[in-house]
Each structure stands twice: as structure tokens, then as C-alpha cells.
Amino acid sequence: MSGKKRAEIKPGLRVKIVLKQDQRTGKLTEGVVKDILTNSPDHPHGIKVRLQDGQVGRVKEIIPE
């Protein structure tokens, strides 16, 4: 699962996101989804989320349970 569809992402899900400042390098940050910030059903660059630690970025990978 790539994280480009809003329906795939739920609060409490473990994901890897790319932060705004890491978009050039592509460095991924791992965390747990707190809020989904993207309203559209899908987004080509990944759904924007807020992690439980407050960091905001676009989902690049969903980590399987």
C-alpha cells in the first residue's frame, strides 16, 4: 500500500512519511497517524497526515501490522 488513497489510512496506523524539509532527500520518518489532513479521496504525492508526535508529512509507506 502506497498511502496515496485516503481510504487506506486510519488514525492509529503505523506509517512512514516524508516531512516537508525532507522532500528533496526523500528521508522517511516513521510514526503513528493521529489526524488525516488531506480531504480529497486520493493525492498523487501521498495523503498528508499529522503523527502522534506532532510532525506533519505525506504518507509514502504503510507499515504492515
PDB file of N, CA and C in Angstrom:
ATOM      1  N   MET A   1       0.850  -1.196   0.000  1.00  0.00           N
ATOM      2  CA  MET A   1       0.000   0.000   0.000  1.00  0.00           C
ATOM      3  C   MET A   1       0.883   1.242   0.000  1.00  0.00           C
ATOM      4  N   SER A   2       0.533   2.163  -0.855  1.00  0.00           N
ATOM      5  CA  SER A   2       1.418   3.299  -1.094  1.00  0.00           C
ATOM      6  C   SER A   2       1.091   4.532  -0.266  1.00  0.00           C
ATOM      7  N   GLY A   3      -0.141   4.639   0.242  1.00  0.00           N
ATOM      8  CA  GLY A   3      -0.502   5.836   1.005  1.00  0.00           C
ATOM      9  C   GLY A   3      -1.045   6.960   0.159  1.00  0.00           C
ATOM     10  N   LYS A   4      -1.427   6.665  -1.093  1.00  0.00           N
ATOM     11  CA  LYS A   4      -1.974   7.702  -1.973  1.00  0.00           C
ATOM     12  C   LYS A   4      -3.494   7.776  -1.914  1.00  0.00           C
ATOM     13  N   LYS A   5      -4.133   6.777  -1.290  1.00  0.00           N
ATOM     14  CA  LYS A   5      -5.589   6.763  -1.166  1.00  0.00           C
ATOM     15  C   LYS A   5      -5.978   6.995   0.294  1.00  0.00           C
ATOM     16  N   ARG A   6      -6.888   7.943   0.513  1.00  0.00           N
ATOM     17  CA  ARG A   6      -7.306   8.322   1.858  1.00  0.00           C
ATOM     18  C   ARG A   6      -7.962   7.158   2.597  1.00  0.00           C
ATOM     19  N   ALA A   7      -8.695   6.308   1.853  1.00  0.00           N
ATOM     20  CA  ALA A   7      -9.420   5.182   2.458  1.00  0.00           C
ATOM     21  C   ALA A   7      -8.477   4.166   3.112  1.00  0.00           C
ATOM     22  N   GLU A   8      -7.208   4.119   2.676  1.00  0.00           N
ATOM     23  CA  GLU A   8      -6.247   3.154   3.226  1.00  0.00           C
ATOM     24  C   GLU A   8      -5.693   3.595   4.578  1.00  0.00           C
ATOM     25  N   ILE A   9      -5.874   4.880   4.927  1.00  0.00           N
ATOM     26  CA  ILE A   9      -5.205   5.449   6.095  1.00  0.00           C
ATOM     27  C   ILE A   9      -6.211   5.724   7.200  1.00  0.00           C
ATOM     28  N   LYS A  10      -5.883   5.244   8.409  1.00  0.00           N
ATOM     29  CA  LYS A  10      -6.750   5.429   9.569  1.00  0.00           C
ATOM     30  C   LYS A  10      -5.888   5.895  10.744  1.00  0.00           C
ATOM     31  N   PRO A  11      -6.457   6.684  11.660  1.00  0.00           N
ATOM     32  CA  PRO A  11      -5.703   7.030  12.877  1.00  0.00           C
ATOM     33  C   PRO A  11      -5.275   5.753  13.616  1.00  0.00           C
ATOM     34  N   GLY A  12      -4.055   5.764  14.149  1.00  0.00           N
ATOM     35  CA  GLY A  12      -3.521   4.596  14.844  1.00  0.00           C
ATOM     36  C   GLY A  12      -2.677   3.702  13.956  1.00  0.00           C
ATOM     37  N   LEU A  13      -2.691   3.961  12.646  1.00  0.00           N
ATOM     38  CA  LEU A  13      -1.923   3.162  11.694  1.00  0.00           C
ATOM     39  C   LEU A  13      -0.454   3.584  11.731  1.00  0.00           C
ATOM     40  N   ARG A  14       0.458   2.609  11.637  1.00  0.00           N
ATOM     41  CA  ARG A  14       1.902   2.897  11.603  1.00  0.00           C
ATOM     42  C   ARG A  14       2.310   3.164  10.156  1.00  0.00           C
ATOM     43  N   VAL A  15       2.940   4.304   9.911  1.00  0.00           N
ATOM     44  CA  VAL A  15       3.286   4.715   8.543  1.00  0.00           C
ATOM     45  C   VAL A  15       4.688   5.316   8.495  1.00  0.00           C
ATOM     46  N   LYS A  16       5.196   5.461   7.265  1.00  0.00           N
ATOM     47  CA  LYS A  16       6.419   6.232   7.018  1.00  0.00           C
ATOM     48  C   LYS A  16       6.008   7.424   6.185  1.00  0.00           C
ATOM     49  N   ILE A  17       6.397   8.624   6.642  1.00  0.00           N
ATOM     50  CA  ILE A  17       6.051   9.849   5.930  1.00  0.00           C
ATOM     51  C   ILE A  17       7.318  10.581   5.514  1.00  0.00           C
ATOM     52  N   VAL A  18       7.160  11.476   4.536  1.00  0.00           N
ATOM     53  CA  VAL A  18       8.252  12.382   4.179  1.00  0.00           C
ATOM     54  C   VAL A  18       7.840  13.768   4.664  1.00  0.00           C
ATOM     55  N   LEU A  19       8.693  14.376   5.489  1.00  0.00           N
ATOM     56  CA  LEU A  19       8.444  15.720   6.003  1.00  0.00           C
ATOM     57  C   LEU A  19       8.763  16.740   4.914  1.00  0.00           C
ATOM     58  N   LYS A  20       8.172  17.933   5.020  1.00  0.00           N
ATOM     59  CA  LYS A  20       8.386  18.992   4.024  1.00  0.00           C
ATOM     60  C   LYS A  20       9.891  19.240   3.795  1.00  0.00           C
ATOM     61  N   GLN A  21      10.644  19.358   4.886  1.00  0.00           N
ATOM     62  CA  GLN A  21      12.074  19.663   4.753  1.00  0.00           C
ATOM     63  C   GLN A  21      12.890  18.486   4.204  1.00  0.00           C
ATOM     64  N   ASP A  22      12.289  17.281   4.185  1.00  0.00           N
ATOM     65  CA  ASP A  22      12.999  16.096   3.678  1.00  0.00           C
ATOM     66  C   ASP A  22      12.569  15.705   2.268  1.00  0.00           C
ATOM     67  N   GLN A  23      11.722  16.511   1.616  1.00  0.00           N
ATOM     68  CA  GLN A  23      11.209  16.140   0.302  1.00  0.00           C
ATOM     69  C   GLN A  23      12.319  16.003  -0.737  1.00  0.00           C
ATOM     70  N   ARG A  24      13.355  16.836  -0.643  1.00  0.00           N
ATOM     71  CA  ARG A  24      14.473  16.748  -1.602  1.00  0.00           C
ATOM     72  C   ARG A  24      15.264  15.464  -1.434  1.00  0.00           C
ATOM     73  N   THR A  25      15.535  15.084  -0.177  1.00  0.00           N
ATOM     74  CA  THR A  25      16.352  13.902   0.084  1.00  0.00           C
ATOM     75  C   THR A  25      15.522  12.628   0.060  1.00  0.00           C
ATOM     76  N   GLY A  26      14.229  12.743   0.359  1.00  0.00           N
ATOM     77  CA  GLY A  26      13.363  11.570   0.399  1.00  0.00           C
ATOM     78  C   GLY A  26      13.479  10.786   1.698  1.00  0.00           C
ATOM     79  N   LYS A  27      14.098  11.395   2.725  1.00  0.00           N
ATOM     80  CA  LYS A  27      14.250  10.746   4.028  1.00  0.00           C
ATOM     81  C   LYS A  27      12.875  10.497   4.640  1.00  0.00           C
ATOM     82  N   LEU A  28      12.653   9.270   5.110  1.00  0.00           N
ATOM     83  CA  LEU A  28      11.354   8.901   5.676  1.00  0.00           C
ATOM     84  C   LEU A  28      11.391   8.935   7.196  1.00  0.00           C
ATOM     85  N   THR A  29      10.258   9.333   7.779  1.00  0.00           N
ATOM     86  CA  THR A  29      10.092   9.394   9.229  1.00  0.00           C
ATOM     87  C   THR A  29       8.966   8.439   9.593  1.00  0.00           C
ATOM     88  N   GLU A  30       9.212   7.582  10.571  1.00  0.00           N
ATOM     89  CA  GLU A  30       8.213   6.594  10.958  1.00  0.00           C
ATOM     90  C   GLU A  30       7.408   7.098  12.147  1.00  0.00           C
ATOM     91  N   GLY A  31       6.115   6.776  12.154  1.00  0.00           N
ATOM     92  CA  GLY A  31       5.281   7.170  13.282  1.00  0.00           C
ATOM     93  C   GLY A  31       3.875   6.628  13.159  1.00  0.00           C
ATOM     94  N   VAL A  32       3.020   7.050  14.095  1.00  0.00           N
ATOM     95  CA  VAL A  32       1.632   6.587  14.153  1.00  0.00           C
ATOM     96  C   VAL A  32       0.718   7.759  13.810  1.00  0.00           C
ATOM     97  N   VAL A  33      -0.239   7.528  12.914  1.00  0.00           N
ATOM     98  CA  VAL A  33      -1.152   8.579  12.444  1.00  0.00           C
ATOM     99  C   VAL A  33      -2.061   9.043  13.583  1.00  0.00           C
ATOM    100  N   LYS A  34      -2.133  10.368  13.759  1.00  0.00           N
ATOM    101  CA  LYS A  34      -3.071  10.966  14.713  1.00  0.00           C
ATOM    102  C   LYS A  34      -4.247  11.565  13.958  1.00  0.00           C
ATOM    103  N   ASP A  35      -3.960  12.397  12.942  1.00  0.00           N
ATOM    104  CA  ASP A  35      -5.006  13.058  12.149  1.00  0.00           C
ATOM    105  C   ASP A  35      -4.692  12.923  10.668  1.00  0.00           C
ATOM    106  N   ILE A  36      -5.747  12.850   9.853  1.00  0.00           N
ATOM    107  CA  ILE A  36      -5.600  12.877   8.395  1.00  0.00           C
ATOM    108  C   ILE A  36      -5.926  14.309   7.960  1.00  0.00           C
ATOM    109  N   LEU A  37      -4.986  14.948   7.253  1.00  0.00           N
ATOM    110  CA  LEU A  37      -5.143  16.361   6.902  1.00  0.00           C
ATOM    111  C   LEU A  37      -5.623  16.574   5.466  1.00  0.00           C
ATOM    112  N   THR A  38      -5.459  15.578   4.602  1.00  0.00           N
ATOM    113  CA  THR A  38      -5.912  15.689   3.211  1.00  0.00           C
ATOM    114  C   THR A  38      -7.394  15.361   3.142  1.00  0.00           C
ATOM    115  N   ASN A  39      -8.186  16.232   2.491  1.00  0.00           N
ATOM    116  CA  ASN A  39      -9.624  15.997   2.376  1.00  0.00           C
ATOM    117  C   ASN A  39     -10.008  15.198   1.139  1.00  0.00           C
ATOM    118  N   SER A  40      -9.215  15.297   0.065  1.00  0.00           N
ATOM    119  CA  SER A  40      -9.573  14.607  -1.179  1.00  0.00           C
ATOM    120  C   SER A  40      -9.368  13.089  -1.015  1.00  0.00           C
ATOM    121  N   PRO A  41     -10.105  12.277  -1.787  1.00  0.00           N
ATOM    122  CA  PRO A  41     -10.010  10.816  -1.634  1.00  0.00           C
ATOM    123  C   PRO A  41      -8.652  10.237  -2.010  1.00  0.00           C
ATOM    124  N   ASP A  42      -7.897  10.938  -2.867  1.00  0.00           N
ATOM    125  CA  ASP A  42      -6.538  10.494  -3.172  1.00  0.00           C
ATOM    126  C   ASP A  42      -5.669  11.696  -3.515  1.00  0.00           C
ATOM    127  N   HIS A  43      -4.360  11.461  -3.474  1.00  0.00           N
ATOM    128  CA  HIS A  43      -3.399  12.539  -3.773  1.00  0.00           C
ATOM    129  C   HIS A  43      -2.165  11.901  -4.397  1.00  0.00           C
ATOM    130  N   PRO A  44      -1.668  12.462  -5.519  1.00  0.00           N
ATOM    131  CA  PRO A  44      -0.531  11.840  -6.223  1.00  0.00           C
ATOM    132  C   PRO A  44       0.755  11.773  -5.405  1.00  0.00           C
ATOM    133  N   HIS A  45       0.947  12.682  -4.443  1.00  0.00           N
ATOM    134  CA  HIS A  45       2.188  12.691  -3.647  1.00  0.00           C
ATOM    135  C   HIS A  45       2.016  12.032  -2.282  1.00  0.00           C
ATOM    136  N   GLY A  46       0.834  11.493  -2.015  1.00  0.00           N
ATOM    137  CA  GLY A  46       0.588  10.848  -0.721  1.00  0.00           C
ATOM    138  C   GLY A  46      -0.345  11.693   0.124  1.00  0.00           C
ATOM    139  N   ILE A  47      -1.102  11.041   0.986  1.00  0.00           N
ATOM    140  CA  ILE A  47      -2.053  11.722   1.868  1.00  0.00           C
ATOM    141  C   ILE A  47      -1.286  12.415   2.992  1.00  0.00           C
ATOM    142  N   LYS A  48      -1.628  13.672   3.275  1.00  0.00           N
ATOM    143  CA  LYS A  48      -0.951  14.422   4.336  1.00  0.00           C
ATOM    144  C   LYS A  48      -1.566  14.063   5.679  1.00  0.00           C
ATOM    145  N   VAL A  49      -0.699  13.723   6.644  1.00  0.00           N
ATOM    146  CA  VAL A  49      -1.155  13.328   7.978  1.00  0.00           C
ATOM    147  C   VAL A  49      -0.336  14.035   9.054  1.00  0.00           C
ATOM    148  N   ARG A  50      -0.901  14.061  10.262  1.00  0.00           N
ATOM    149  CA  ARG A  50      -0.162  14.512  11.452  1.00  0.00           C
ATOM    150  C   ARG A  50       0.092  13.269  12.295  1.00  0.00           C
ATOM    151  N   LEU A  51       1.340  13.066  12.696  1.00  0.00           N
ATOM    152  CA  LEU A  51       1.684  11.931  13.541  1.00  0.00           C
ATOM    153  C   LEU A  51       1.376  12.265  14.999  1.00  0.00           C
ATOM    154  N   GLN A  52       1.398  11.257  15.854  1.00  0.00           N
ATOM    155  CA  GLN A  52       1.104  11.469  17.276  1.00  0.00           C
ATOM    156  C   GLN A  52       2.119  12.387  17.942  1.00  0.00           C
ATOM    157  N   ASP A  53       3.335  12.469  17.402  1.00  0.00           N
ATOM    158  CA  ASP A  53       4.341  13.374  17.977  1.00  0.00           C
ATOM    159  C   ASP A  53       4.253  14.793  17.397  1.00  0.00           C
ATOM    160  N   GLY A  54       3.253  15.038  16.521  1.00  0.00           N
ATOM    161  CA  GLY A  54       3.017  16.384  16.002  1.00  0.00           C
ATOM    162  C   GLY A  54       3.644  16.671  14.645  1.00  0.00           C
ATOM    163  N   GLN A  55       4.470  15.778  14.134  1.00  0.00           N
ATOM    164  CA  GLN A  55       5.099  16.007  12.831  1.00  0.00           C
ATOM    165  C   GLN A  55       4.071  15.818  11.711  1.00  0.00           C
ATOM    166  N   VAL A  56       4.197  16.652  10.660  1.00  0.00           N
ATOM    167  CA  VAL A  56       3.259  16.609   9.536  1.00  0.00           C
ATOM    168  C   VAL A  56       4.017  16.267   8.265  1.00  0.00           C
ATOM    169  N   GLY A  57       3.453  15.341   7.483  1.00  0.00           N
ATOM    170  CA  GLY A  57       4.078  14.982   6.215  1.00  0.00           C
ATOM    171  C   GLY A  57       3.145  14.119   5.387  1.00  0.00           C
ATOM    172  N   ARG A  58       3.642  13.720   4.219  1.00  0.00           N
ATOM    173  CA  ARG A  58       2.834  12.897   3.314  1.00  0.00           C
ATOM    174  C   ARG A  58       3.232  11.429   3.433  1.00  0.00           C
ATOM    175  N   VAL A  59       2.215  10.569   3.487  1.00  0.00           N
ATOM    176  CA  VAL A  59       2.444   9.127   3.650  1.00  0.00           C
ATOM    177  C   VAL A  59       3.090   8.564   2.386  1.00  0.00           C
ATOM    178  N   LYS A  60       4.217   7.893   2.567  1.00  0.00           N
ATOM    179  CA  LYS A  60       4.910   7.231   1.472  1.00  0.00           C
ATOM    180  C   LYS A  60       4.788   5.721   1.570  1.00  0.00           C
ATOM    181  N   GLU A  61       4.571   5.220   2.785  1.00  0.00           N
ATOM    182  CA  GLU A  61       4.540   3.775   3.017  1.00  0.00           C
ATOM    183  C   GLU A  61       3.644   3.487   4.210  1.00  0.00           C
ATOM    184  N   ILE A  62       2.845   2.431   4.089  1.00  0.00           N
ATOM    185  CA  ILE A  62       2.072   1.949   5.236  1.00  0.00           C
ATOM    186  C   ILE A  62       2.780   0.704   5.746  1.00  0.00           C
ATOM    187  N   ILE A  63       3.091   0.680   7.034  1.00  0.00           N
ATOM    188  CA  ILE A  63       3.819  -0.447   7.611  1.00  0.00           C
ATOM    189  C   ILE A  63       2.817  -1.521   8.019  1.00  0.00           C
ATOM    190  N   PRO A  64       2.953  -2.726   7.448  1.00  0.00           N
ATOM    191  CA  PRO A  64       2.007  -3.795   7.801  1.00  0.00           C
ATOM    192  C   PRO A  64       2.124  -4.177   9.284  1.00  0.00           C
ATOM    193  N   GLU A  65       1.001  -4.559   9.860  1.00  0.00           N
ATOM    194  CA  GLU A  65       0.959  -4.939  11.303  1.00  0.00           C
ATOM    195  C   GLU A  65       1.773  -6.199  11.529  1.00  0.00           C
TER     196      GLU A  65
END
